[in-house]
């Protein structure tokens, strides 16, 4: 028993009468064909078209400097912070304005909501 995902990839199934396999899909349309062979060289096959649309990875942000804690006591009036971002990048500067102070919540539908305010 063999499988093929269009011209992208192929492999061997586990089992004969009852068989299984794991196939890594590509984004978009995948034409999966499974083919059985017998000792005389005869073949039989079946196909399945699978459309793979990955779930969107929502962005997340982590502050890593000057602390990874949720609080920080500053001794100077200017604070330099840095961190990491994971996920899709989207420009929210228009909604946040030129000086986006405060706390913001990013919803799953990519709407940005101001939820608090603080001064540094």
PDB file of N, CA and C in Angstrom:
ATOM      1  N   UNK A   1       0.846  -1.165   0.000  1.00  0.00           N
ATOM      2  CA  UNK A   1       0.000   0.000   0.000  1.00  0.00           C
ATOM      3  C   UNK A   1       0.895   1.232   0.000  1.00  0.00           C
ATOM      4  N   UNK A   2       0.616   2.117  -0.931  1.00  0.00           N
ATOM      5  CA  UNK A   2       1.366   3.377  -1.021  1.00  0.00           C
ATOM      6  C   UNK A   2       0.390   4.526  -1.105  1.00  0.00           C
ATOM      7  N   UNK A   3       0.813   5.695  -0.694  1.00  0.00           N
ATOM      8  CA  UNK A   3       0.006   6.907  -0.802  1.00  0.00           C
ATOM      9  C   UNK A   3       0.810   7.973  -1.529  1.00  0.00           C
ATOM     10  N   UNK A   4       0.100   8.916  -2.115  1.00  0.00           N
ATOM     11  CA  UNK A   4       0.738  10.063  -2.764  1.00  0.00           C
ATOM     12  C   UNK A   4      -0.136  11.287  -2.521  1.00  0.00           C
ATOM     13  N   UNK A   5       0.511  12.422  -2.315  1.00  0.00           N
ATOM     14  CA  UNK A   5      -0.179  13.702  -2.185  1.00  0.00           C
ATOM     15  C   UNK A   5       0.175  14.515  -3.424  1.00  0.00           C
ATOM     16  N   UNK A   6      -0.579  14.286  -4.502  1.00  0.00           N
ATOM     17  CA  UNK A   6      -0.254  14.938  -5.766  1.00  0.00           C
ATOM     18  C   UNK A   6       1.180  14.621  -6.147  1.00  0.00           C
ATOM     19  N   UNK A   7       1.929  15.627  -6.536  1.00  0.00           N
ATOM     20  CA  UNK A   7       3.342  15.437  -6.841  1.00  0.00           C
ATOM     21  C   UNK A   7       4.215  15.945  -5.715  1.00  0.00           C
ATOM     22  N   UNK A   8       3.584  16.314  -4.570  1.00  0.00           N
ATOM     23  CA  UNK A   8       4.323  16.904  -3.452  1.00  0.00           C
ATOM     24  C   UNK A   8       5.081  15.863  -2.632  1.00  0.00           C
ATOM     25  N   UNK A   9       4.421  14.757  -2.299  1.00  0.00           N
ATOM     26  CA  UNK A   9       5.058  13.765  -1.434  1.00  0.00           C
ATOM     27  C   UNK A   9       4.365  12.425  -1.605  1.00  0.00           C
ATOM     28  N   UNK A  10       5.022  11.376  -1.124  1.00  0.00           N
ATOM     29  CA  UNK A  10       4.448  10.036  -1.184  1.00  0.00           C
ATOM     30  C   UNK A  10       5.098   9.194  -0.097  1.00  0.00           C
ATOM     31  N   UNK A  11       4.495   8.034   0.152  1.00  0.00           N
ATOM     32  CA  UNK A  11       5.041   7.168   1.176  1.00  0.00           C
ATOM     33  C   UNK A  11       4.332   5.832   1.197  1.00  0.00           C
ATOM     34  N   UNK A  12       4.669   5.027   2.194  1.00  0.00           N
ATOM     35  CA  UNK A  12       4.143   3.678   2.354  1.00  0.00           C
ATOM     36  C   UNK A  12       3.153   3.684   3.512  1.00  0.00           C
ATOM     37  N   UNK A  13       2.024   2.995   3.326  1.00  0.00           N
ATOM     38  CA  UNK A  13       1.025   2.849   4.386  1.00  0.00           C
ATOM     39  C   UNK A  13       1.421   1.701   5.304  1.00  0.00           C
ATOM     40  N   UNK A  14       0.936   1.726   6.518  1.00  0.00           N
ATOM     41  CA  UNK A  14       1.148   0.643   7.470  1.00  0.00           C
ATOM     42  C   UNK A  14      -0.047  -0.299   7.391  1.00  0.00           C
ATOM     43  N   UNK A  15       0.204  -1.591   7.227  1.00  0.00           N
ATOM     44  CA  UNK A  15      -0.867  -2.576   7.163  1.00  0.00           C
ATOM     45  C   UNK A  15      -1.214  -2.926   5.732  1.00  0.00           C
ATOM     46  N   UNK A  16      -2.097  -3.946   5.590  1.00  0.00           N
ATOM     47  CA  UNK A  16      -2.525  -4.370   4.258  1.00  0.00           C
ATOM     48  C   UNK A  16      -4.044  -4.345   4.156  1.00  0.00           C
ATOM     49  N   UNK A  17      -4.740  -5.301   4.794  1.00  0.00           N
ATOM     50  CA  UNK A  17      -6.197  -5.310   4.753  1.00  0.00           C
ATOM     51  C   UNK A  17      -6.746  -4.064   5.445  1.00  0.00           C
ATOM     52  N   UNK A  18      -6.297  -3.810   6.646  1.00  0.00           N
ATOM     53  CA  UNK A  18      -6.586  -2.571   7.370  1.00  0.00           C
ATOM     54  C   UNK A  18      -5.289  -1.780   7.394  1.00  0.00           C
ATOM     55  N   UNK A  19      -5.294  -0.602   6.863  1.00  0.00           N
ATOM     56  CA  UNK A  19      -4.070   0.176   6.715  1.00  0.00           C
ATOM     57  C   UNK A  19      -4.266   1.575   7.269  1.00  0.00           C
ATOM     58  N   UNK A  20      -3.156   2.268   7.498  1.00  0.00           N
ATOM     59  CA  UNK A  20      -3.196   3.654   7.965  1.00  0.00           C
ATOM     60  C   UNK A  20      -1.901   4.342   7.568  1.00  0.00           C
ATOM     61  N   UNK A  21      -1.954   5.661   7.606  1.00  0.00           N
ATOM     62  CA  UNK A  21      -0.769   6.458   7.336  1.00  0.00           C
ATOM     63  C   UNK A  21      -1.005   7.860   7.871  1.00  0.00           C
ATOM     64  N   UNK A  22       0.023   8.650   7.953  1.00  0.00           N
ATOM     65  CA  UNK A  22      -0.069  10.047   8.355  1.00  0.00           C
ATOM     66  C   UNK A  22       0.556  10.879   7.246  1.00  0.00           C
ATOM     67  N   UNK A  23      -0.187  11.864   6.759  1.00  0.00           N
ATOM     68  CA  UNK A  23       0.252  12.657   5.613  1.00  0.00           C
ATOM     69  C   UNK A  23       0.322  14.125   6.017  1.00  0.00           C
ATOM     70  N   UNK A  24       1.429  14.774   5.761  1.00  0.00           N
ATOM     71  CA  UNK A  24       1.553  16.203   5.998  1.00  0.00           C
ATOM     72  C   UNK A  24       0.943  16.941   4.813  1.00  0.00           C
ATOM     73  N   UNK A  25      -0.051  17.760   5.108  1.00  0.00           N
ATOM     74  CA  UNK A  25      -0.753  18.492   4.061  1.00  0.00           C
ATOM     75  C   UNK A  25      -0.033  19.793   3.730  1.00  0.00           C
ATOM     76  N   UNK A  26      -0.212  20.252   2.498  1.00  0.00           N
ATOM     77  CA  UNK A  26       0.269  21.567   2.104  1.00  0.00           C
ATOM     78  C   UNK A  26      -0.939  22.508   2.123  1.00  0.00           C
ATOM     79  N   UNK A  27      -0.698  23.788   2.292  1.00  0.00           N
ATOM     80  CA  UNK A  27      -1.798  24.738   2.289  1.00  0.00           C
ATOM     81  C   UNK A  27      -2.453  24.747   0.914  1.00  0.00           C
ATOM     82  N   UNK A  28      -3.788  24.674   0.906  1.00  0.00           N
ATOM     83  CA  UNK A  28      -4.523  24.641  -0.347  1.00  0.00           C
ATOM     84  C   UNK A  28      -5.059  23.250  -0.625  1.00  0.00           C
ATOM     85  N   UNK A  29      -5.120  22.894  -1.904  1.00  0.00           N
ATOM     86  CA  UNK A  29      -5.720  21.630  -2.327  1.00  0.00           C
ATOM     87  C   UNK A  29      -4.681  20.516  -2.327  1.00  0.00           C
ATOM     88  N   UNK A  30      -5.037  19.391  -1.705  1.00  0.00           N
ATOM     89  CA  UNK A  30      -4.204  18.191  -1.654  1.00  0.00           C
ATOM     90  C   UNK A  30      -4.995  17.049  -2.273  1.00  0.00           C
ATOM     91  N   UNK A  31      -4.465  16.405  -3.307  1.00  0.00           N
ATOM     92  CA  UNK A  31      -5.101  15.243  -3.906  1.00  0.00           C
ATOM     93  C   UNK A  31      -4.393  14.007  -3.362  1.00  0.00           C
ATOM     94  N   UNK A  32      -5.042  13.325  -2.427  1.00  0.00           N
ATOM     95  CA  UNK A  32      -4.473  12.143  -1.777  1.00  0.00           C
ATOM     96  C   UNK A  32      -4.943  10.911  -2.529  1.00  0.00           C
ATOM     97  N   UNK A  33      -4.003  10.098  -2.989  1.00  0.00           N
ATOM     98  CA  UNK A  33      -4.318   8.845  -3.675  1.00  0.00           C
ATOM     99  C   UNK A  33      -3.637   7.707  -2.935  1.00  0.00           C
ATOM    100  N   UNK A  34      -4.406   6.667  -2.628  1.00  0.00           N
ATOM    101  CA  UNK A  34      -3.871   5.465  -1.989  1.00  0.00           C
ATOM    102  C   UNK A  34      -3.998   4.323  -2.993  1.00  0.00           C
ATOM    103  N   UNK A  35      -2.889   3.601  -3.194  1.00  0.00           N
ATOM    104  CA  UNK A  35      -2.852   2.535  -4.196  1.00  0.00           C
ATOM    105  C   UNK A  35      -2.462   1.218  -3.529  1.00  0.00           C
ATOM    106  N   UNK A  36      -3.205   0.160  -3.857  1.00  0.00           N
ATOM    107  CA  UNK A  36      -2.905  -1.199  -3.375  1.00  0.00           C
ATOM    108  C   UNK A  36      -2.354  -2.009  -4.541  1.00  0.00           C
ATOM    109  N   UNK A  37      -1.413  -2.902  -4.228  1.00  0.00           N
ATOM    110  CA  UNK A  37      -0.783  -3.771  -5.230  1.00  0.00           C
ATOM    111  C   UNK A  37      -0.947  -5.218  -4.775  1.00  0.00           C
ATOM    112  N   UNK A  38      -1.149  -6.125  -5.734  1.00  0.00           N
ATOM    113  CA  UNK A  38      -1.136  -7.542  -5.365  1.00  0.00           C
ATOM    114  C   UNK A  38       0.091  -8.211  -5.968  1.00  0.00           C
ATOM    115  N   UNK A  39       0.277  -9.499  -5.659  1.00  0.00           N
ATOM    116  CA  UNK A  39       1.475 -10.233  -6.091  1.00  0.00           C
ATOM    117  C   UNK A  39       1.570 -10.326  -7.612  1.00  0.00           C
ATOM    118  N   UNK A  40       0.445 -10.288  -8.321  1.00  0.00           N
ATOM    119  CA  UNK A  40       0.451 -10.388  -9.776  1.00  0.00           C
ATOM    120  C   UNK A  40       0.713  -9.041 -10.449  1.00  0.00           C
ATOM    121  N   UNK A  41       0.842  -7.958  -9.646  1.00  0.00           N
ATOM    122  CA  UNK A  41       1.108  -6.639 -10.221  1.00  0.00           C
ATOM    123  C   UNK A  41      -0.141  -5.829 -10.529  1.00  0.00           C
ATOM    124  N   UNK A  42      -1.305  -6.351 -10.144  1.00  0.00           N
ATOM    125  CA  UNK A  42      -2.545  -5.596 -10.331  1.00  0.00           C
ATOM    126  C   UNK A  42      -2.627  -4.485  -9.289  1.00  0.00           C
ATOM    127  N   UNK A  43      -3.321  -3.419  -9.648  1.00  0.00           N
ATOM    128  CA  UNK A  43      -3.452  -2.295  -8.718  1.00  0.00           C
ATOM    129  C   UNK A  43      -4.902  -1.875  -8.585  1.00  0.00           C
ATOM    130  N   UNK A  44      -5.183  -1.272  -7.446  1.00  0.00           N
ATOM    131  CA  UNK A  44      -6.465  -0.624  -7.195  1.00  0.00           C
ATOM    132  C   UNK A  44      -6.159   0.645  -6.423  1.00  0.00           C
ATOM    133  N   UNK A  45      -6.982   1.654  -6.611  1.00  0.00           N
ATOM    134  CA  UNK A  45      -6.691   2.901  -5.902  1.00  0.00           C
ATOM    135  C   UNK A  45      -7.980   3.637  -5.552  1.00  0.00           C
ATOM    136  N   UNK A  46      -7.845   4.563  -4.638  1.00  0.00           N
ATOM    137  CA  UNK A  46      -8.923   5.472  -4.284  1.00  0.00           C
ATOM    138  C   UNK A  46      -8.288   6.826  -3.988  1.00  0.00           C
ATOM    139  N   UNK A  47      -9.059   7.895  -4.227  1.00  0.00           N
ATOM    140  CA  UNK A  47      -8.529   9.246  -4.054  1.00  0.00           C
ATOM    141  C   UNK A  47      -9.459  10.082  -3.197  1.00  0.00           C
ATOM    142  N   UNK A  48      -8.889  11.082  -2.582  1.00  0.00           N
ATOM    143  CA  UNK A  48      -9.620  12.022  -1.757  1.00  0.00           C
ATOM    144  C   UNK A  48      -8.991  13.398  -1.947  1.00  0.00           C
ATOM    145  N   UNK A  49      -9.811  14.411  -2.224  1.00  0.00           N
ATOM    146  CA  UNK A  49      -9.321  15.778  -2.325  1.00  0.00           C
ATOM    147  C   UNK A  49      -9.549  16.465  -0.989  1.00  0.00           C
ATOM    148  N   UNK A  50      -8.491  17.000  -0.408  1.00  0.00           N
ATOM    149  CA  UNK A  50      -8.543  17.674   0.889  1.00  0.00           C
ATOM    150  C   UNK A  50      -8.065  19.102   0.697  1.00  0.00           C
ATOM    151  N   UNK A  51      -8.875  20.061   1.130  1.00  0.00           N
ATOM    152  CA  UNK A  51      -8.452  21.458   1.105  1.00  0.00           C
ATOM    153  C   UNK A  51      -8.006  21.834   2.508  1.00  0.00           C
ATOM    154  N   UNK A  52      -6.737  22.192   2.636  1.00  0.00           N
ATOM    155  CA  UNK A  52      -6.162  22.530   3.942  1.00  0.00           C
ATOM    156  C   UNK A  52      -6.022  24.041   4.060  1.00  0.00           C
ATOM    157  N   UNK A  53      -6.730  24.606   5.047  1.00  0.00           N
ATOM    158  CA  UNK A  53      -6.626  26.019   5.373  1.00  0.00           C
ATOM    159  C   UNK A  53      -6.193  26.105   6.825  1.00  0.00           C
ATOM    160  N   UNK A  54      -4.931  26.443   7.087  1.00  0.00           N
ATOM    161  CA  UNK A  54      -4.467  26.478   8.475  1.00  0.00           C
ATOM    162  C   UNK A  54      -5.166  27.577   9.260  1.00  0.00           C
ATOM    163  N   UNK A  55      -5.384  27.304  10.543  1.00  0.00           N
ATOM    164  CA  UNK A  55      -5.919  28.331  11.418  1.00  0.00           C
ATOM    165  C   UNK A  55      -4.899  29.450  11.524  1.00  0.00           C
ATOM    166  N   UNK A  56      -5.373  30.654  11.535  1.00  0.00           N
ATOM    167  CA  UNK A  56      -4.481  31.808  11.623  1.00  0.00           C
ATOM    168  C   UNK A  56      -3.868  31.867  13.018  1.00  0.00           C
ATOM    169  N   UNK A  57      -2.586  32.100  13.064  1.00  0.00           N
ATOM    170  CA  UNK A  57      -1.908  32.277  14.340  1.00  0.00           C
ATOM    171  C   UNK A  57      -2.080  33.718  14.775  1.00  0.00           C
ATOM    172  N   UNK A  58      -2.793  33.905  15.879  1.00  0.00           N
ATOM    173  CA  UNK A  58      -2.989  35.254  16.386  1.00  0.00           C
ATOM    174  C   UNK A  58      -1.702  35.740  17.032  1.00  0.00           C
ATOM    175  N   UNK A  59      -1.450  37.017  16.941  1.00  0.00           N
ATOM    176  CA  UNK A  59      -0.210  37.524  17.511  1.00  0.00           C
ATOM    177  C   UNK A  59      -0.223  37.492  19.035  1.00  0.00           C
ATOM    178  N   UNK A  60       0.937  37.272  19.597  1.00  0.00           N
ATOM    179  CA  UNK A  60       1.114  37.393  21.037  1.00  0.00           C
ATOM    180  C   UNK A  60       2.393  38.174  21.276  1.00  0.00           C
ATOM    181  N   UNK A  61       2.430  38.880  22.364  1.00  0.00           N
ATOM    182  CA  UNK A  61       3.577  39.727  22.693  1.00  0.00           C
ATOM    183  C   UNK A  61       4.055  39.376  24.088  1.00  0.00           C
ATOM    184  N   UNK A  62       5.367  39.299  24.258  1.00  0.00           N
ATOM    185  CA  UNK A  62       5.971  39.066  25.559  1.00  0.00           C
ATOM    186  C   UNK A  62       7.028  40.126  25.803  1.00  0.00           C
ATOM    187  N   UNK A  63       6.915  40.830  26.928  1.00  0.00           N
ATOM    188  CA  UNK A  63       7.953  41.792  27.320  1.00  0.00           C
ATOM    189  C   UNK A  63       9.052  41.014  28.015  1.00  0.00           C
ATOM    190  N   UNK A  64      10.290  41.198  27.555  1.00  0.00           N
ATOM    191  CA  UNK A  64      11.418  40.450  28.114  1.00  0.00           C
ATOM    192  C   UNK A  64      12.443  41.327  28.827  1.00  0.00           C
ATOM    193  N   UNK A  65      12.408  42.633  28.593  1.00  0.00           N
ATOM    194  CA  UNK A  65      13.393  43.516  29.222  1.00  0.00           C
ATOM    195  C   UNK A  65      12.740  44.857  29.515  1.00  0.00           C
ATOM    196  N   UNK A  66      12.805  45.384  30.673  1.00  0.00           N
ATOM    197  CA  UNK A  66      13.765  45.146  31.734  1.00  0.00           C
ATOM    198  C   UNK A  66      13.389  44.003  32.672  1.00  0.00           C
ATOM    199  N   UNK A  67      12.191  43.402  32.487  1.00  0.00           N
ATOM    200  CA  UNK A  67      11.779  42.306  33.353  1.00  0.00           C
ATOM    201  C   UNK A  67      10.787  41.427  32.605  1.00  0.00           C
ATOM    202  N   UNK A  68      10.656  40.195  33.033  1.00  0.00           N
ATOM    203  CA  UNK A  68       9.606  39.327  32.514  1.00  0.00           C
ATOM    204  C   UNK A  68       8.439  39.258  33.496  1.00  0.00           C
ATOM    205  N   UNK A  69       8.564  39.935  34.619  1.00  0.00           N
ATOM    206  CA  UNK A  69       7.510  39.995  35.623  1.00  0.00           C
ATOM    207  C   UNK A  69       6.386  40.901  35.142  1.00  0.00           C
ATOM    208  N   UNK A  70       5.227  40.825  35.770  1.00  0.00           N
ATOM    209  CA  UNK A  70       4.101  41.678  35.385  1.00  0.00           C
ATOM    210  C   UNK A  70       4.185  43.064  36.022  1.00  0.00           C
ATOM    211  N   UNK A  71       5.134  43.290  36.917  1.00  0.00           N
ATOM    212  CA  UNK A  71       5.325  44.608  37.531  1.00  0.00           C
ATOM    213  C   UNK A  71       6.808  44.964  37.509  1.00  0.00           C
ATOM    214  N   UNK A  72       7.070  46.283  37.563  1.00  0.00           N
ATOM    215  CA  UNK A  72       8.452  46.760  37.538  1.00  0.00           C
ATOM    216  C   UNK A  72       8.493  48.123  38.218  1.00  0.00           C
ATOM    217  N   UNK A  73       9.455  48.336  39.123  1.00  0.00           N
ATOM    218  CA  UNK A  73       9.640  49.620  39.790  1.00  0.00           C
ATOM    219  C   UNK A  73      10.724  50.388  39.058  1.00  0.00           C
ATOM    220  N   UNK A  74      10.343  51.516  38.461  1.00  0.00           N
ATOM    221  CA  UNK A  74      11.286  52.330  37.696  1.00  0.00           C
ATOM    222  C   UNK A  74      11.887  53.410  38.586  1.00  0.00           C
ATOM    223  N   UNK A  75      13.157  53.742  38.339  1.00  0.00           N
ATOM    224  CA  UNK A  75      13.835  54.807  39.083  1.00  0.00           C
ATOM    225  C   UNK A  75      14.139  56.000  38.188  1.00  0.00           C
ATOM    226  N   UNK A  76      13.849  55.887  36.892  1.00  0.00           N
ATOM    227  CA  UNK A  76      14.062  56.991  35.961  1.00  0.00           C
ATOM    228  C   UNK A  76      12.772  57.235  35.186  1.00  0.00           C
ATOM    229  N   UNK A  77      12.631  58.443  34.627  1.00  0.00           N
ATOM    230  CA  UNK A  77      11.381  58.803  33.952  1.00  0.00           C
ATOM    231  C   UNK A  77      11.256  58.215  32.555  1.00  0.00           C
ATOM    232  N   UNK A  78      12.336  57.683  31.989  1.00  0.00           N
ATOM    233  CA  UNK A  78      12.296  57.048  30.680  1.00  0.00           C
ATOM    234  C   UNK A  78      12.494  55.554  30.862  1.00  0.00           C
ATOM    235  N   UNK A  79      11.650  54.780  30.206  1.00  0.00           N
ATOM    236  CA  UNK A  79      11.727  53.324  30.314  1.00  0.00           C
ATOM    237  C   UNK A  79      11.968  52.734  28.937  1.00  0.00           C
ATOM    238  N   UNK A  80      13.014  51.972  28.780  1.00  0.00           N
ATOM    239  CA  UNK A  80      13.292  51.238  27.554  1.00  0.00           C
ATOM    240  C   UNK A  80      12.830  49.807  27.760  1.00  0.00           C
ATOM    241  N   UNK A  81      11.937  49.360  26.885  1.00  0.00           N
ATOM    242  CA  UNK A  81      11.464  47.986  26.998  1.00  0.00           C
ATOM    243  C   UNK A  81      11.660  47.270  25.671  1.00  0.00           C
ATOM    244  N   UNK A  82      11.731  45.950  25.724  1.00  0.00           N
ATOM    245  CA  UNK A  82      11.838  45.141  24.517  1.00  0.00           C
ATOM    246  C   UNK A  82      11.194  43.798  24.790  1.00  0.00           C
ATOM    247  N   UNK A  83      10.958  43.067  23.716  1.00  0.00           N
ATOM    248  CA  UNK A  83      10.322  41.779  23.874  1.00  0.00           C
ATOM    249  C   UNK A  83      10.260  41.032  22.569  1.00  0.00           C
ATOM    250  N   UNK A  84       9.341  40.089  22.517  1.00  0.00           N
ATOM    251  CA  UNK A  84       9.182  39.260  21.333  1.00  0.00           C
ATOM    252  C   UNK A  84       7.723  39.284  20.887  1.00  0.00           C
ATOM    253  N   UNK A  85       7.519  39.080  19.596  1.00  0.00           N
ATOM    254  CA  UNK A  85       6.194  38.990  19.014  1.00  0.00           C
ATOM    255  C   UNK A  85       6.103  37.691  18.232  1.00  0.00           C
ATOM    256  N   UNK A  86       4.996  36.986  18.394  1.00  0.00           N
ATOM    257  CA  UNK A  86       4.753  35.760  17.648  1.00  0.00           C
ATOM    258  C   UNK A  86       3.437  35.937  16.916  1.00  0.00           C
ATOM    259  N   UNK A  87       3.393  35.554  15.654  1.00  0.00           N
ATOM    260  CA  UNK A  87       2.149  35.604  14.905  1.00  0.00           C
ATOM    261  C   UNK A  87       2.148  36.702  13.875  1.00  0.00           C
ATOM    262  N   UNK A  88       0.986  36.903  13.328  1.00  0.00           N
ATOM    263  CA  UNK A  88       0.784  37.835  12.232  1.00  0.00           C
ATOM    264  C   UNK A  88       1.040  39.272  12.665  1.00  0.00           C
ATOM    265  N   UNK A  89       1.727  40.022  11.821  1.00  0.00           N
ATOM    266  CA  UNK A  89       2.011  41.420  12.093  1.00  0.00           C
ATOM    267  C   UNK A  89       0.950  42.278  11.442  1.00  0.00           C
ATOM    268  N   UNK A  90       0.378  43.169  12.198  1.00  0.00           N
ATOM    269  CA  UNK A  90      -0.654  44.052  11.686  1.00  0.00           C
ATOM    270  C   UNK A  90      -0.398  45.448  12.235  1.00  0.00           C
ATOM    271  N   UNK A  91      -0.632  46.454  11.452  1.00  0.00           N
ATOM    272  CA  UNK A  91      -0.338  47.830  11.847  1.00  0.00           C
ATOM    273  C   UNK A  91      -1.564  48.457  12.505  1.00  0.00           C
ATOM    274  N   UNK A  92      -1.452  48.730  13.805  1.00  0.00           N
ATOM    275  CA  UNK A  92      -2.541  49.338  14.555  1.00  0.00           C
ATOM    276  C   UNK A  92      -2.256  50.793  14.915  1.00  0.00           C
ATOM    277  N   UNK A  93      -1.192  51.381  14.370  1.00  0.00           N
ATOM    278  CA  UNK A  93      -0.828  52.739  14.760  1.00  0.00           C
ATOM    279  C   UNK A  93      -1.935  53.741  14.486  1.00  0.00           C
ATOM    280  N   UNK A  94      -2.687  53.569  13.410  1.00  0.00           N
ATOM    281  CA  UNK A  94      -3.766  54.502  13.103  1.00  0.00           C
ATOM    282  C   UNK A  94      -4.811  54.550  14.193  1.00  0.00           C
ATOM    283  N   UNK A  95      -5.169  53.383  14.735  1.00  0.00           N
ATOM    284  CA  UNK A  95      -6.167  53.343  15.790  1.00  0.00           C
ATOM    285  C   UNK A  95      -5.595  53.783  17.129  1.00  0.00           C
ATOM    286  N   UNK A  96      -4.326  53.462  17.395  1.00  0.00           N
ATOM    287  CA  UNK A  96      -3.733  53.755  18.685  1.00  0.00           C
ATOM    288  C   UNK A  96      -3.256  55.200  18.791  1.00  0.00           C
ATOM    289  N   UNK A  97      -3.067  55.870  17.677  1.00  0.00           N
ATOM    290  CA  UNK A  97      -2.585  57.238  17.723  1.00  0.00           C
ATOM    291  C   UNK A  97      -1.071  57.288  17.798  1.00  0.00           C
ATOM    292  N   UNK A  98      -0.528  58.496  17.901  1.00  0.00           N
ATOM    293  CA  UNK A  98       0.923  58.673  17.892  1.00  0.00           C
ATOM    294  C   UNK A  98       1.576  58.256  19.201  1.00  0.00           C
ATOM    295  N   UNK A  99       0.851  58.357  20.318  1.00  0.00           N
ATOM    296  CA  UNK A  99       1.420  58.006  21.620  1.00  0.00           C
ATOM    297  C   UNK A  99       0.495  57.011  22.302  1.00  0.00           C
ATOM    298  N   UNK A 100       0.603  55.729  21.966  1.00  0.00           N
ATOM    299  CA  UNK A 100      -0.363  54.735  22.446  1.00  0.00           C
ATOM    300  C   UNK A 100      -0.112  54.298  23.886  1.00  0.00           C
ATOM    301  N   UNK A 101      -0.271  55.216  24.826  1.00  0.00           N
ATOM    302  CA  UNK A 101      -0.120  54.857  26.233  1.00  0.00           C
ATOM    303  C   UNK A 101      -1.367  54.123  26.700  1.00  0.00           C
ATOM    304  N   UNK A 102      -1.190  53.293  27.659  1.00  0.00           N
ATOM    305  CA  UNK A 102      -2.319  52.583  28.237  1.00  0.00           C
ATOM    306  C   UNK A 102      -2.246  51.095  27.962  1.00  0.00           C
ATOM    307  N   UNK A 103      -3.314  50.419  28.290  1.00  0.00           N
ATOM    308  CA  UNK A 103      -3.401  48.983  28.074  1.00  0.00           C
ATOM    309  C   UNK A 103      -4.386  48.727  26.944  1.00  0.00           C
ATOM    310  N   UNK A 104      -4.039  47.784  26.104  1.00  0.00           N
ATOM    311  CA  UNK A 104      -4.843  47.474  24.924  1.00  0.00           C
ATOM    312  C   UNK A 104      -5.107  45.988  24.876  1.00  0.00           C
ATOM    313  N   UNK A 105      -6.247  45.599  24.364  1.00  0.00           N
ATOM    314  CA  UNK A 105      -6.587  44.191  24.196  1.00  0.00           C
ATOM    315  C   UNK A 105      -6.808  43.946  22.705  1.00  0.00           C
ATOM    316  N   UNK A 106      -6.171  42.911  22.175  1.00  0.00           N
ATOM    317  CA  UNK A 106      -6.349  42.526  20.782  1.00  0.00           C
ATOM    318  C   UNK A 106      -7.284  41.330  20.742  1.00  0.00           C
ATOM    319  N   UNK A 107      -8.441  41.519  20.116  1.00  0.00           N
ATOM    320  CA  UNK A 107      -9.445  40.463  20.044  1.00  0.00           C
ATOM    321  C   UNK A 107      -9.145  39.529  18.875  1.00  0.00           C
ATOM    322  N   UNK A 108      -9.755  38.345  18.903  1.00  0.00           N
ATOM    323  CA  UNK A 108      -9.528  37.338  17.858  1.00  0.00           C
ATOM    324  C   UNK A 108      -9.894  37.854  16.469  1.00  0.00           C
ATOM    325  N   UNK A 109     -10.825  38.805  16.384  1.00  0.00           N
ATOM    326  CA  UNK A 109     -11.209  39.362  15.088  1.00  0.00           C
ATOM    327  C   UNK A 109     -10.305  40.520  14.678  1.00  0.00           C
ATOM    328  N   UNK A 110      -9.202  40.707  15.393  1.00  0.00           N
ATOM    329  CA  UNK A 110      -8.180  41.722  15.130  1.00  0.00           C
ATOM    330  C   UNK A 110      -8.624  43.134  15.484  1.00  0.00           C
ATOM    331  N   UNK A 111      -9.723  43.271  16.230  1.00  0.00           N
ATOM    332  CA  UNK A 111     -10.126  44.580  16.711  1.00  0.00           C
ATOM    333  C   UNK A 111      -9.287  44.916  17.938  1.00  0.00           C
ATOM    334  N   UNK A 112      -8.867  46.157  18.018  1.00  0.00           N
ATOM    335  CA  UNK A 112      -8.044  46.627  19.118  1.00  0.00           C
ATOM    336  C   UNK A 112      -8.914  47.465  20.046  1.00  0.00           C
ATOM    337  N   UNK A 113      -8.860  47.182  21.355  1.00  0.00           N
ATOM    338  CA  UNK A 113      -9.684  47.871  22.316  1.00  0.00           C
ATOM    339  C   UNK A 113      -8.806  48.433  23.438  1.00  0.00           C
ATOM    340  N   UNK A 114      -8.999  49.698  23.774  1.00  0.00           N
ATOM    341  CA  UNK A 114      -8.279  50.295  24.900  1.00  0.00           C
ATOM    342  C   UNK A 114      -9.003  49.881  26.166  1.00  0.00           C
ATOM    343  N   UNK A 115      -8.263  49.289  27.133  1.00  0.00           N
ATOM    344  CA  UNK A 115      -8.904  48.792  28.347  1.00  0.00           C
ATOM    345  C   UNK A 115      -8.417  49.500  29.597  1.00  0.00           C
ATOM    346  N   UNK A 116      -7.456  50.377  29.480  1.00  0.00           N
ATOM    347  CA  UNK A 116      -6.962  51.091  30.653  1.00  0.00           C
ATOM    348  C   UNK A 116      -6.008  52.188  30.235  1.00  0.00           C
ATOM    349  N   UNK A 117      -5.527  52.929  31.190  1.00  0.00           N
ATOM    350  CA  UNK A 117      -4.609  54.017  30.894  1.00  0.00           C
ATOM    351  C   UNK A 117      -3.631  54.155  32.038  1.00  0.00           C
ATOM    352  N   UNK A 118      -2.391  54.420  31.715  1.00  0.00           N
ATOM    353  CA  UNK A 118      -1.393  54.702  32.733  1.00  0.00           C
ATOM    354  C   UNK A 118      -0.403  55.700  32.183  1.00  0.00           C
ATOM    355  N   UNK A 119       0.295  56.363  33.036  1.00  0.00           N
ATOM    356  CA  UNK A 119       1.308  57.337  32.631  1.00  0.00           C
ATOM    357  C   UNK A 119       2.652  56.851  33.092  1.00  0.00           C
ATOM    358  N   UNK A 120       3.669  57.140  32.297  1.00  0.00           N
ATOM    359  CA  UNK A 120       5.043  56.767  32.656  1.00  0.00           C
ATOM    360  C   UNK A 120       5.803  58.038  32.913  1.00  0.00           C
TER     361      UNK A 120
END
